[in-house]
């Protein structure tokens, strides 16, 4: 009976005293490798060979003291040990990740569910970045093109069409060509109208899918073959005029080279889509939601840079055909009215520099009647007007001045998007600034209208954060499965709508969804 009690004491004393004499006598020869190998090789051997450790080696409290002492004497060894290595980041996980690293993650408190959800979010972020690069082009390539175009003028460009391809409220656009890296590139030469240039602000903006991108600029006399509508040029002159007198009227103007070639303005799109709205209201109003979403994302990004849009009207919003063609069995391009174009903001100014330019005295009265909103507040009001204009409902400034927010012109219910757009327009045009939703909230409402959650989700279960979190997790998984199936089957590249959807599910949380659905429903 007296023999067993001392035995544990001797073992405990030896376990506690082993590192101390080892570290004091071997500091110049073999300092800690042996103690370190004893401490760290047992778990590694168990992971590699599946061998169980003796019961006396398993207590978790035994290695704590040697660990702290070995760290104080040989810290680099402790950091490089397998047991102290941090688990891999979820962003770095791939199908080829080693099973040992996966095992570390699966032992974490989050478990399998946390690993899968984290991998899904990281995968959506990578897909979103890849799709954005496909839409706007690599940043490095744009920088090389900007350097190549520096100092170039009309002589280095090929005018592809003497007529403007698009005329906005503040500029004319001409299609030009340029040879770069043995390829013929097309971009737009933007000729600003008098007193409509925002070059200084636009040059300082970063890349965004909803911003017009500048590649270069120069000041030169317009080529004689170019025709500016409304300004007498070569074709408007009589044929009896002498040729030597014609070059004189050609003005010297500043020209901006833009990466995107606009097809038309939003005003042109709305004007030519009455028939589409009647025959396919669901498709057209979904296009309207996607165009408004692009605008809100651009305006939200501008506010972070203390920049505002110049004149937010349909005539100054450009539509550009996407480089990624829409899905089609025959491989034919859809008309611009049916496919989703990119919407570009092309006019900017610094918020602290000046107030938003008013195009008429009525607009000044409207601003004064709505408590003289600042340029940021004017953005909400103008987006509310745009909703009515896109839906072909007349809402002039007189209508806004004459109606309260609850008596705005009625938007007919033609599709599943009509009621939501009506609700959003009412919130954006509210007379009380405290009741008016912001551009950020408008963006969230449009995303919920497009991709859910819809109101029927809450018909069976009471709305809660748990329900919205579960909905988000399932939708993210289904979205990734859709991308995988489309990639393996039809072999088509994701387009603009897929990128917008990816942006939504990549960043939204259940808390945001709860707030947005409270406002919308």
Protein backbone atom coordinates (compact mmCIF):
# COMPACT_ATOMS: atom_id res chain seq x y z
CA UNK A 1 0.00 0.00 0.00
CA UNK A 2 2.70 2.62 0.67
CA UNK A 3 4.36 2.00 -2.73
CA UNK A 4 1.74 3.26 -5.25
CA UNK A 5 1.35 6.87 -3.99
CA UNK A 6 4.99 7.93 -4.59
CA UNK A 7 4.98 6.61 -8.15
CA UNK A 8 2.76 9.39 -9.61
CA UNK A 9 4.76 11.98 -7.72
CA UNK A 10 8.00 10.80 -9.28
CA UNK A 11 6.47 10.82 -12.76
CA UNK A 12 5.00 14.28 -12.29
CA UNK A 13 8.28 15.62 -10.93
CA UNK A 14 10.22 14.16 -13.86
CA UNK A 15 7.72 15.55 -16.40
CA UNK A 16 7.95 18.97 -14.81
CA UNK A 17 11.72 18.96 -14.34
CA UNK A 18 12.76 17.51 -17.71
CA UNK A 19 12.76 20.77 -19.68
CA UNK A 20 14.57 22.78 -16.99
CA UNK A 21 17.85 20.85 -16.81
CA UNK A 22 17.69 20.09 -20.53
CA UNK A 23 17.43 23.73 -21.40
CA UNK A 24 20.20 24.78 -18.97
CA UNK A 25 22.78 22.14 -20.02
CA UNK A 26 22.09 21.97 -23.77
CA UNK A 27 21.67 25.61 -24.69
CA UNK A 28 24.88 25.55 -26.78
CA UNK A 29 24.58 22.09 -28.24
CA UNK A 30 21.17 20.54 -28.70
CA UNK A 31 18.91 23.01 -26.86
CA UNK A 32 15.32 21.88 -27.17
CA UNK A 33 14.81 19.63 -30.14
CA UNK A 34 14.53 16.55 -27.95
CA UNK A 35 12.07 18.11 -25.56
CA UNK A 36 10.23 19.67 -28.49
CA UNK A 37 10.10 16.38 -30.38
CA UNK A 38 8.67 14.61 -27.33
CA UNK A 39 6.03 17.27 -26.91
CA UNK A 40 4.97 17.63 -30.54
CA UNK A 41 5.71 14.37 -32.28
CA UNK A 42 3.05 12.33 -30.51
CA UNK A 43 0.02 14.18 -31.97
CA UNK A 44 1.65 14.25 -35.42
CA UNK A 45 2.35 10.53 -35.32
CA UNK A 46 -1.22 9.86 -34.30
CA UNK A 47 -2.53 11.91 -37.27
CA UNK A 48 -0.21 10.17 -39.71
CA UNK A 49 -0.39 6.56 -38.56
CA UNK A 50 -3.60 6.48 -36.52
CA UNK A 51 -1.71 5.17 -33.48
CA UNK A 52 -3.28 5.77 -30.12
CA UNK A 53 -1.28 7.39 -27.35
CA UNK A 54 -0.84 5.77 -23.96
CA UNK A 55 -3.25 7.10 -21.36
CA UNK A 56 -0.46 8.77 -19.41
CA UNK A 57 0.53 10.85 -22.50
CA UNK A 58 -2.99 12.15 -23.07
CA UNK A 59 -3.64 14.50 -20.13
CA UNK A 60 -4.08 17.99 -21.47
CA UNK A 61 -2.57 19.71 -18.44
CA UNK A 62 0.76 17.92 -18.53
CA UNK A 63 2.29 19.63 -21.58
CA UNK A 64 1.20 23.15 -20.60
CA UNK A 65 4.19 23.96 -18.40
CA UNK A 66 6.83 22.57 -20.80
CA UNK A 67 5.14 24.46 -23.63
CA UNK A 68 5.49 27.83 -21.96
CA UNK A 69 9.05 27.15 -20.92
CA UNK A 70 10.10 25.89 -24.34
CA UNK A 71 8.55 28.98 -25.94
CA UNK A 72 10.58 31.29 -23.76
CA UNK A 73 13.83 29.57 -24.77
CA UNK A 74 13.18 28.42 -28.33
CA UNK A 75 10.27 30.44 -29.73
CA UNK A 76 11.00 29.81 -33.46
CA UNK A 77 10.76 26.07 -32.89
CA UNK A 78 7.37 26.42 -31.22
CA UNK A 79 6.02 28.52 -34.11
CA UNK A 80 7.14 26.05 -36.74
CA UNK A 81 5.66 23.07 -34.95
CA UNK A 82 2.61 21.36 -36.51
CA UNK A 83 0.49 21.74 -33.38
CA UNK A 84 0.94 25.52 -33.21
CA UNK A 85 0.40 26.15 -36.96
CA UNK A 86 -2.85 28.07 -37.51
CA UNK A 87 -5.57 26.36 -39.53
CA UNK A 88 -5.77 27.40 -43.21
CA UNK A 89 -7.99 30.28 -44.22
CA UNK A 90 -11.33 29.43 -45.78
CA UNK A 91 -10.44 31.70 -48.70
CA UNK A 92 -7.45 29.47 -49.48
CA UNK A 93 -9.31 26.16 -49.40
CA UNK A 94 -9.63 24.26 -52.69
CA UNK A 95 -10.58 20.73 -53.69
CA UNK A 96 -6.87 19.86 -53.58
CA UNK A 97 -6.28 21.09 -50.02
CA UNK A 98 -4.43 18.47 -47.95
CA UNK A 99 -6.57 16.34 -45.65
CA UNK A 100 -4.40 17.26 -42.68
CA UNK A 101 -5.33 20.93 -43.10
CA UNK A 102 -8.99 20.01 -43.60
CA UNK A 103 -8.87 18.00 -40.40
CA UNK A 104 -7.74 21.06 -38.44
CA UNK A 105 -10.72 23.02 -39.74
CA UNK A 106 -13.20 20.25 -39.02
CA UNK A 107 -12.03 20.16 -35.40
CA UNK A 108 -12.78 23.87 -34.99
CA UNK A 109 -15.87 24.98 -33.05
CA UNK A 110 -17.64 25.93 -36.30
CA UNK A 111 -17.48 22.33 -37.52
CA UNK A 112 -18.47 21.09 -40.94
CA UNK A 113 -21.33 23.56 -41.37
CA UNK A 114 -19.10 26.56 -40.67
CA UNK A 115 -16.44 25.33 -43.10
CA UNK A 116 -18.96 24.76 -45.90
CA UNK A 117 -20.66 28.14 -45.43
CA UNK A 118 -17.33 29.94 -45.29
CA UNK A 119 -16.16 28.20 -48.46
CA UNK A 120 -19.37 29.23 -50.23
CA UNK A 121 -18.91 32.89 -49.32
CA UNK A 122 -15.27 32.80 -50.44
CA UNK A 123 -16.25 31.11 -53.70
CA UNK A 124 -18.91 33.75 -54.40
CA UNK A 125 -16.33 36.49 -53.82
CA UNK A 126 -13.92 34.89 -56.30
CA UNK A 127 -16.65 34.40 -58.89
CA UNK A 128 -17.79 37.99 -58.47
CA UNK A 129 -14.27 39.34 -58.97
CA UNK A 130 -13.80 37.17 -62.07
CA UNK A 131 -17.10 38.30 -63.60
CA UNK A 132 -16.33 41.95 -62.90
CA UNK A 133 -13.02 41.59 -64.71
CA UNK A 134 -14.84 40.08 -67.67
CA UNK A 135 -17.27 43.01 -67.73
CA UNK A 136 -14.87 45.94 -67.36
CA UNK A 137 -11.56 44.35 -68.41
CA UNK A 138 -8.35 43.83 -66.43
CA UNK A 139 -7.08 46.90 -64.61
CA UNK A 140 -3.51 46.31 -65.81
CA UNK A 141 -4.60 46.27 -69.44
CA UNK A 142 -6.45 49.56 -69.03
CA UNK A 143 -3.37 51.18 -67.51
CA UNK A 144 -1.24 50.00 -70.45
CA UNK A 145 -3.81 51.37 -72.89
CA UNK A 146 -3.90 54.71 -71.08
CA UNK A 147 -0.10 54.97 -71.34
CA UNK A 148 -0.25 54.11 -75.05
CA UNK A 149 -2.91 56.76 -75.74
CA UNK A 150 -1.07 59.52 -73.88
CA UNK A 151 -0.29 62.34 -76.29
CA UNK A 152 -2.37 60.85 -79.11
CA UNK A 153 -4.94 62.91 -81.04
CA UNK A 154 -7.29 62.48 -84.00
CA UNK A 155 -4.36 61.64 -86.31
CA UNK A 156 -3.67 58.39 -84.39
CA UNK A 157 -7.32 57.33 -84.33
CA UNK A 158 -9.51 55.89 -87.03
CA UNK A 159 -12.96 57.46 -87.22
CA UNK A 160 -15.30 54.52 -87.85
CA UNK A 161 -18.48 56.56 -88.35
CA UNK A 162 -18.79 60.31 -89.03
CA UNK A 163 -22.21 60.38 -87.36
CA UNK A 164 -22.47 60.23 -83.56
CA UNK A 165 -23.28 56.75 -82.25
CA UNK A 166 -25.00 58.39 -79.27
CA UNK A 167 -25.98 61.87 -78.17
CA UNK A 168 -26.52 62.47 -74.48
CA UNK A 169 -27.63 65.61 -72.73
CA UNK A 170 -24.05 66.79 -72.26
CA UNK A 171 -21.93 65.25 -75.07
CA UNK A 172 -21.68 63.65 -78.49
CA UNK A 173 -20.05 60.22 -78.88
CA UNK A 174 -18.19 58.99 -81.96
CA UNK A 175 -16.98 55.45 -82.62
CA UNK A 176 -13.21 55.34 -83.18
CA UNK A 177 -10.62 52.59 -83.64
CA UNK A 178 -7.09 52.15 -82.35
CA UNK A 179 -4.53 49.38 -82.85
CA UNK A 180 -3.12 48.04 -79.59
CA UNK A 181 -1.07 44.86 -79.13
CA UNK A 182 -1.85 43.81 -82.72
CA UNK A 183 -5.58 44.09 -82.09
CA UNK A 184 -8.08 46.61 -83.42
CA UNK A 185 -9.89 48.11 -80.45
CA UNK A 186 -13.01 50.23 -80.50
CA UNK A 187 -13.87 52.94 -78.03
CA UNK A 188 -15.75 56.22 -77.95
CA UNK A 189 -14.51 59.75 -78.54
CA UNK A 190 -16.58 61.97 -76.27
CA UNK A 191 -17.00 65.57 -77.39
CA UNK A 192 -18.54 67.50 -74.48
CA UNK A 193 -21.13 70.13 -75.22
CA UNK A 194 -20.31 73.70 -74.14
CA UNK A 195 -20.22 74.16 -70.33
CA UNK A 196 -20.83 70.44 -69.71
CA UNK A 197 -17.38 69.09 -68.90
CA UNK A 198 -16.68 67.26 -65.61
CA UNK A 199 -13.22 66.01 -66.56
CA UNK A 200 -11.43 67.01 -63.37
CA UNK A 201 -13.72 64.98 -61.13
CA UNK A 202 -14.17 62.07 -63.52
CA UNK A 203 -10.42 61.53 -63.91
CA UNK A 204 -10.03 61.02 -60.15
CA UNK A 205 -12.69 58.31 -59.83
CA UNK A 206 -11.72 54.68 -59.51
CA UNK A 207 -13.01 51.84 -61.65
CA UNK A 208 -16.66 50.92 -61.13
CA UNK A 209 -19.03 48.96 -63.32
CA UNK A 210 -21.49 51.89 -63.35
CA UNK A 211 -18.94 54.62 -64.15
CA UNK A 212 -17.78 55.77 -67.55
CA UNK A 213 -14.04 55.03 -67.79
CA UNK A 214 -11.64 57.56 -69.31
CA UNK A 215 -8.64 56.30 -71.25
CA UNK A 216 -7.21 59.62 -72.42
CA UNK A 217 -7.92 63.18 -73.47
CA UNK A 218 -6.64 65.75 -75.93
CA UNK A 219 -7.57 69.11 -77.43
CA UNK A 220 -7.65 69.29 -81.21
CA UNK A 221 -9.62 70.59 -84.15
CA UNK A 222 -12.45 68.27 -85.13
CA UNK A 223 -11.92 66.30 -88.33
CA UNK A 224 -13.88 67.72 -91.23
CA UNK A 225 -15.87 64.52 -91.74
CA UNK A 226 -17.37 64.57 -88.24
CA UNK A 227 -20.86 66.00 -87.93
CA UNK A 228 -22.11 67.57 -84.72
CA UNK A 229 -25.93 67.68 -84.79
CA UNK A 230 -27.19 71.22 -84.45
CA UNK A 231 -23.84 72.76 -85.41
CA UNK A 232 -23.27 73.64 -89.10
CA UNK A 233 -20.70 71.29 -90.57
CA UNK A 234 -19.54 69.92 -93.85
CA UNK A 235 -22.75 68.09 -94.77
CA UNK A 236 -24.98 71.03 -93.89
CA UNK A 237 -23.07 73.37 -96.19
CA UNK A 238 -24.33 73.87 -99.74
CA UNK A 239 -22.44 72.06 -102.49
CA UNK A 240 -21.83 75.37 -104.29
CA UNK A 241 -19.58 76.63 -101.47
CA UNK A 242 -15.88 76.64 -102.13
CA UNK A 243 -13.87 73.91 -100.44
CA UNK A 244 -11.05 76.09 -98.98
CA UNK A 245 -13.54 78.04 -96.87
CA UNK A 246 -14.95 74.98 -95.09
CA UNK A 247 -12.17 74.00 -92.65
CA UNK A 248 -12.41 77.35 -90.88
CA UNK A 249 -15.69 76.68 -88.95
CA UNK A 250 -14.42 73.39 -87.50
CA UNK A 251 -13.97 74.20 -83.78
CA UNK A 252 -11.10 73.23 -81.51
CA UNK A 253 -12.63 71.16 -78.74
CA UNK A 254 -11.53 68.98 -75.86
CA UNK A 255 -12.02 65.29 -76.59
CA UNK A 256 -12.24 62.48 -74.04
CA UNK A 257 -11.49 58.88 -74.99
CA UNK A 258 -13.84 56.45 -73.19
CA UNK A 259 -13.48 52.69 -72.90
CA UNK A 260 -17.20 51.98 -73.44
CA UNK A 261 -19.08 52.79 -76.64
CA UNK A 262 -22.65 53.83 -75.69
CA UNK A 263 -25.49 52.46 -77.80
CA UNK A 264 -28.15 54.88 -76.59
CA UNK A 265 -29.31 56.80 -73.54
CA UNK A 266 -31.82 55.65 -70.98
CA UNK A 267 -34.26 58.17 -72.45
CA UNK A 268 -33.93 56.48 -75.88
CA UNK A 269 -34.44 53.06 -74.28
CA UNK A 270 -37.61 54.12 -72.45
CA UNK A 271 -39.01 55.88 -75.51
CA UNK A 272 -38.56 52.82 -77.71
CA UNK A 273 -39.85 50.21 -75.24
CA UNK A 274 -43.59 51.00 -75.03
CA UNK A 275 -44.48 47.91 -77.09
CA UNK A 276 -42.18 45.65 -75.05
CA UNK A 277 -43.77 46.91 -71.83
CA UNK A 278 -47.24 46.05 -73.15
CA UNK A 279 -46.40 42.61 -74.54
CA UNK A 280 -43.87 41.42 -71.91
CA UNK A 281 -44.45 43.49 -68.76
CA UNK A 282 -42.65 41.06 -66.46
CA UNK A 283 -39.51 40.99 -68.60
CA UNK A 284 -39.48 44.75 -69.13
CA UNK A 285 -40.05 45.68 -65.48
CA UNK A 286 -37.33 43.24 -64.41
CA UNK A 287 -34.99 45.04 -66.84
CA UNK A 288 -36.09 48.30 -65.21
CA UNK A 289 -35.23 46.95 -61.75
CA UNK A 290 -31.78 45.85 -62.95
CA UNK A 291 -31.07 49.23 -64.56
CA UNK A 292 -32.16 51.06 -61.41
CA UNK A 293 -30.00 48.72 -59.32
CA UNK A 294 -26.91 49.58 -61.37
CA UNK A 295 -27.67 53.28 -60.93
CA UNK A 296 -28.08 52.96 -57.15
CA UNK A 297 -24.84 50.98 -56.84
CA UNK A 298 -23.00 53.72 -58.73
CA UNK A 299 -24.56 56.53 -56.68
CA UNK A 300 -23.76 54.69 -53.45
CA UNK A 301 -20.11 54.38 -54.51
CA UNK A 302 -19.99 58.08 -55.43
CA UNK A 303 -21.12 59.16 -51.98
CA UNK A 304 -18.19 57.36 -50.42
CA UNK A 305 -15.89 59.57 -52.51
CA UNK A 306 -17.76 62.86 -51.78
CA UNK A 307 -18.84 63.07 -55.42
CA UNK A 308 -22.32 63.59 -56.86
CA UNK A 309 -23.82 63.03 -60.28
CA UNK A 310 -24.05 66.07 -62.52
CA UNK A 311 -27.60 65.96 -63.85
CA UNK A 312 -29.42 62.74 -63.04
CA UNK A 313 -31.88 62.47 -65.89
CA UNK A 314 -32.55 59.77 -68.52
CA UNK A 315 -30.77 61.83 -71.20
CA UNK A 316 -27.47 61.68 -69.28
CA UNK A 317 -27.47 57.96 -68.38
CA UNK A 318 -25.72 55.84 -71.01
CA UNK A 319 -26.50 52.25 -71.98
CA UNK A 320 -23.67 50.02 -73.21
CA UNK A 321 -23.89 46.54 -74.66
CA UNK A 322 -22.23 43.98 -72.38
CA UNK A 323 -19.18 42.09 -73.66
CA UNK A 324 -20.70 38.86 -72.33
CA UNK A 325 -23.46 37.83 -74.75
CA UNK A 326 -26.77 36.65 -73.28
CA UNK A 327 -27.70 32.98 -73.35
CA UNK A 328 -29.10 31.90 -76.72
CA UNK A 329 -29.36 28.50 -78.37
CA UNK A 330 -28.80 29.88 -81.86
CA UNK A 331 -25.90 32.08 -80.78
CA UNK A 332 -27.65 35.17 -82.13
CA UNK A 333 -27.54 38.47 -80.31
CA UNK A 334 -30.71 39.70 -78.71
CA UNK A 335 -31.90 43.23 -79.51
CA UNK A 336 -30.80 45.87 -77.04
CA UNK A 337 -34.38 46.23 -75.81
CA UNK A 338 -34.46 42.58 -74.70
CA UNK A 339 -30.94 42.10 -73.32
CA UNK A 340 -29.65 43.78 -70.18
CA UNK A 341 -27.21 46.63 -70.95
CA UNK A 342 -24.75 48.24 -68.60
CA UNK A 343 -25.88 51.60 -67.26
CA UNK A 344 -23.16 54.24 -67.00
CA UNK A 345 -23.03 57.51 -65.09
CA UNK A 346 -21.02 59.98 -67.17
CA UNK A 347 -21.40 63.36 -65.41
CA UNK A 348 -19.91 64.14 -62.00
CA UNK A 349 -19.00 67.01 -59.69
CA UNK A 350 -17.60 67.44 -56.21
CA UNK A 351 -20.30 67.92 -53.59
CA UNK A 352 -18.48 70.75 -51.82
CA UNK A 353 -17.69 72.64 -55.04
CA UNK A 354 -21.15 73.72 -56.15
CA UNK A 355 -24.82 72.87 -55.93
CA UNK A 356 -26.47 70.59 -58.42
CA UNK A 357 -27.08 72.55 -61.66
CA UNK A 358 -30.80 73.12 -62.22
CA UNK A 359 -32.04 72.83 -65.77
CA UNK A 360 -35.14 75.01 -65.27
CA UNK A 361 -36.79 77.40 -62.85
CA UNK A 362 -39.44 74.75 -62.18
CA UNK A 363 -36.77 72.44 -60.86
CA UNK A 364 -35.58 75.21 -58.55
CA UNK A 365 -39.16 75.60 -57.29
CA UNK A 366 -39.34 71.83 -56.80
CA UNK A 367 -36.11 71.87 -54.76
CA UNK A 368 -37.38 74.77 -52.65
CA UNK A 369 -40.75 73.07 -52.22
CA UNK A 370 -38.99 69.98 -50.85
CA UNK A 371 -37.02 71.91 -48.23
CA UNK A 372 -34.19 72.77 -50.67
CA UNK A 373 -32.52 69.37 -50.71
CA UNK A 374 -28.78 69.14 -51.00
CA UNK A 375 -27.28 67.20 -53.94
CA UNK A 376 -27.24 63.92 -51.96
CA UNK A 377 -30.94 64.32 -51.13
CA UNK A 378 -31.72 65.25 -54.73
CA UNK A 379 -30.43 61.84 -55.83
CA UNK A 380 -33.25 60.03 -53.98
CA UNK A 381 -35.86 62.33 -55.52
CA UNK A 382 -34.49 61.89 -59.02
CA UNK A 383 -34.34 58.09 -58.71
CA UNK A 384 -37.98 58.20 -57.61
CA UNK A 385 -38.82 60.16 -60.76
CA UNK A 386 -36.85 57.69 -62.87
CA UNK A 387 -39.00 54.80 -61.64
CA UNK A 388 -42.10 56.52 -63.03
CA UNK A 389 -40.35 57.42 -66.28
CA UNK A 390 -39.09 53.86 -66.84
CA UNK A 391 -42.61 52.52 -66.20
CA UNK A 392 -44.06 55.00 -68.74
CA UNK A 393 -46.08 56.89 -66.12
CA UNK A 394 -46.08 60.65 -66.55
CA UNK A 395 -44.75 62.40 -63.48
CA UNK A 396 -43.70 65.93 -64.30
CA UNK A 397 -42.39 68.42 -61.78
CA UNK A 398 -45.89 69.86 -61.57
CA UNK A 399 -47.16 66.45 -60.48
CA UNK A 400 -44.62 66.25 -57.69
CA UNK A 401 -45.41 69.76 -56.48
CA UNK A 402 -49.14 69.11 -56.60
CA UNK A 403 -49.34 65.69 -54.96
CA UNK A 404 -48.50 64.51 -51.49
CA UNK A 405 -46.39 61.37 -51.17
CA UNK A 406 -49.55 59.28 -50.70
CA UNK A 407 -51.26 60.72 -53.77
CA UNK A 408 -48.59 60.22 -56.40
CA UNK A 409 -49.72 58.99 -59.84
CA UNK A 410 -50.80 55.37 -59.75
CA UNK A 411 -48.46 52.72 -61.16
CA UNK A 412 -50.52 49.94 -62.77
CA UNK A 413 -49.95 46.38 -61.55
CA UNK A 414 -48.64 44.60 -64.64
CA UNK A 415 -46.12 42.16 -63.11
CA UNK A 416 -44.75 40.84 -59.83
CA UNK A 417 -42.42 43.87 -59.72
CA UNK A 418 -45.07 46.60 -60.06
CA UNK A 419 -46.16 46.77 -56.41
CA UNK A 420 -42.57 46.83 -55.14
CA UNK A 421 -41.56 49.57 -57.59
CA UNK A 422 -44.63 51.57 -56.59
CA UNK A 423 -43.69 51.23 -52.93
CA UNK A 424 -40.07 52.22 -53.61
CA UNK A 425 -41.08 55.28 -55.63
CA UNK A 426 -43.39 56.41 -52.83
CA UNK A 427 -40.59 56.08 -50.26
CA UNK A 428 -38.07 57.93 -52.44
CA UNK A 429 -40.45 60.84 -53.16
CA UNK A 430 -41.68 61.26 -49.61
CA UNK A 431 -42.01 64.89 -48.55
CA UNK A 432 -40.56 64.21 -45.12
CA UNK A 433 -36.78 63.67 -45.43
CA UNK A 434 -36.86 61.46 -42.31
CA UNK A 435 -39.39 59.12 -43.97
CA UNK A 436 -37.55 59.09 -47.29
CA UNK A 437 -35.36 56.03 -47.89
CA UNK A 438 -31.71 56.49 -48.81
CA UNK A 439 -29.95 55.30 -51.97
CA UNK A 440 -28.43 52.43 -49.96
CA UNK A 441 -31.89 51.32 -48.81
CA UNK A 442 -33.26 51.67 -52.34
CA UNK A 443 -30.48 49.39 -53.60
CA UNK A 444 -31.41 46.78 -50.98
CA UNK A 445 -35.11 47.00 -51.87
CA UNK A 446 -34.35 46.46 -55.58
CA UNK A 447 -32.19 43.43 -54.74
CA UNK A 448 -34.99 41.89 -52.67
CA UNK A 449 -37.48 42.55 -55.50
CA UNK A 450 -35.18 40.75 -57.94
CA UNK A 451 -33.90 37.78 -55.92
CA UNK A 452 -35.99 37.58 -52.77
CA UNK A 453 -36.92 36.81 -50.13
CA UNK A 454 -40.47 37.30 -51.36
CA UNK A 455 -43.43 37.81 -49.10
CA UNK A 456 -44.67 34.22 -49.42
CA UNK A 457 -41.62 33.04 -47.44
CA UNK A 458 -43.24 34.52 -44.34
CA UNK A 459 -46.68 33.03 -44.98
CA UNK A 460 -45.86 29.73 -43.22
CA UNK A 461 -43.28 30.92 -40.71
CA UNK A 462 -42.97 34.10 -38.73
CA UNK A 463 -40.17 36.33 -39.99
CA UNK A 464 -37.07 35.97 -37.84
CA UNK A 465 -33.33 36.25 -38.14
CA UNK A 466 -33.03 32.45 -37.98
CA UNK A 467 -35.43 32.02 -40.91
CA UNK A 468 -33.62 34.64 -43.01
CA UNK A 469 -30.22 33.14 -42.17
CA UNK A 470 -31.38 29.70 -43.27
CA UNK A 471 -32.86 31.15 -46.46
CA UNK A 472 -29.55 32.88 -47.24
CA UNK A 473 -27.51 29.71 -46.70
CA UNK A 474 -29.75 27.64 -48.98
CA UNK A 475 -29.86 30.31 -51.71
CA UNK A 476 -26.07 30.68 -51.73
CA UNK A 477 -25.67 26.93 -52.16
CA UNK A 478 -28.26 26.83 -54.97
CA UNK A 479 -26.64 29.78 -56.72
CA UNK A 480 -23.25 28.05 -56.77
CA UNK A 481 -24.87 24.87 -58.07
CA UNK A 482 -26.50 26.86 -60.87
CA UNK A 483 -23.15 28.34 -61.89
CA UNK A 484 -21.59 24.87 -61.92
CA UNK A 485 -24.39 23.35 -63.99
CA UNK A 486 -24.42 26.20 -66.50
CA UNK A 487 -20.66 26.04 -66.88
CA UNK A 488 -20.68 22.29 -67.51
CA UNK A 489 -23.74 22.25 -69.77
CA UNK A 490 -24.29 25.28 -71.98
CA UNK A 491 -20.68 26.52 -71.77
CA UNK A 492 -21.72 30.15 -71.48
CA UNK A 493 -19.99 32.87 -69.51
CA UNK A 494 -21.93 34.53 -66.69
CA UNK A 495 -23.23 37.94 -67.68
CA UNK A 496 -24.12 41.21 -66.02
CA UNK A 497 -27.24 39.91 -64.27
CA UNK A 498 -25.31 36.99 -62.78
CA UNK A 499 -22.65 39.39 -61.50
CA UNK A 500 -25.29 41.62 -59.89
CA UNK A 501 -26.85 38.54 -58.25
CA UNK A 502 -23.43 37.43 -57.00
CA UNK A 503 -22.82 40.87 -55.51
CA UNK A 504 -26.09 40.60 -53.61
CA UNK A 505 -25.59 37.17 -52.05
CA UNK A 506 -21.92 37.83 -51.37
CA UNK A 507 -22.50 40.80 -49.08
CA UNK A 508 -26.05 40.62 -47.69
CA UNK A 509 -26.75 39.48 -44.12
CA UNK A 510 -29.89 38.33 -42.34
CA UNK A 511 -29.95 41.59 -40.38
CA UNK A 512 -30.00 43.64 -43.59
CA UNK A 513 -32.74 41.44 -45.04
CA UNK A 514 -34.84 41.88 -41.91
CA UNK A 515 -34.65 45.68 -42.15
CA UNK A 516 -35.28 45.81 -45.92
CA UNK A 517 -38.25 43.45 -45.81
CA UNK A 518 -39.72 45.46 -42.94
CA UNK A 519 -39.66 48.58 -45.14
CA UNK A 520 -40.77 46.86 -48.35
CA UNK A 521 -43.52 44.55 -47.06
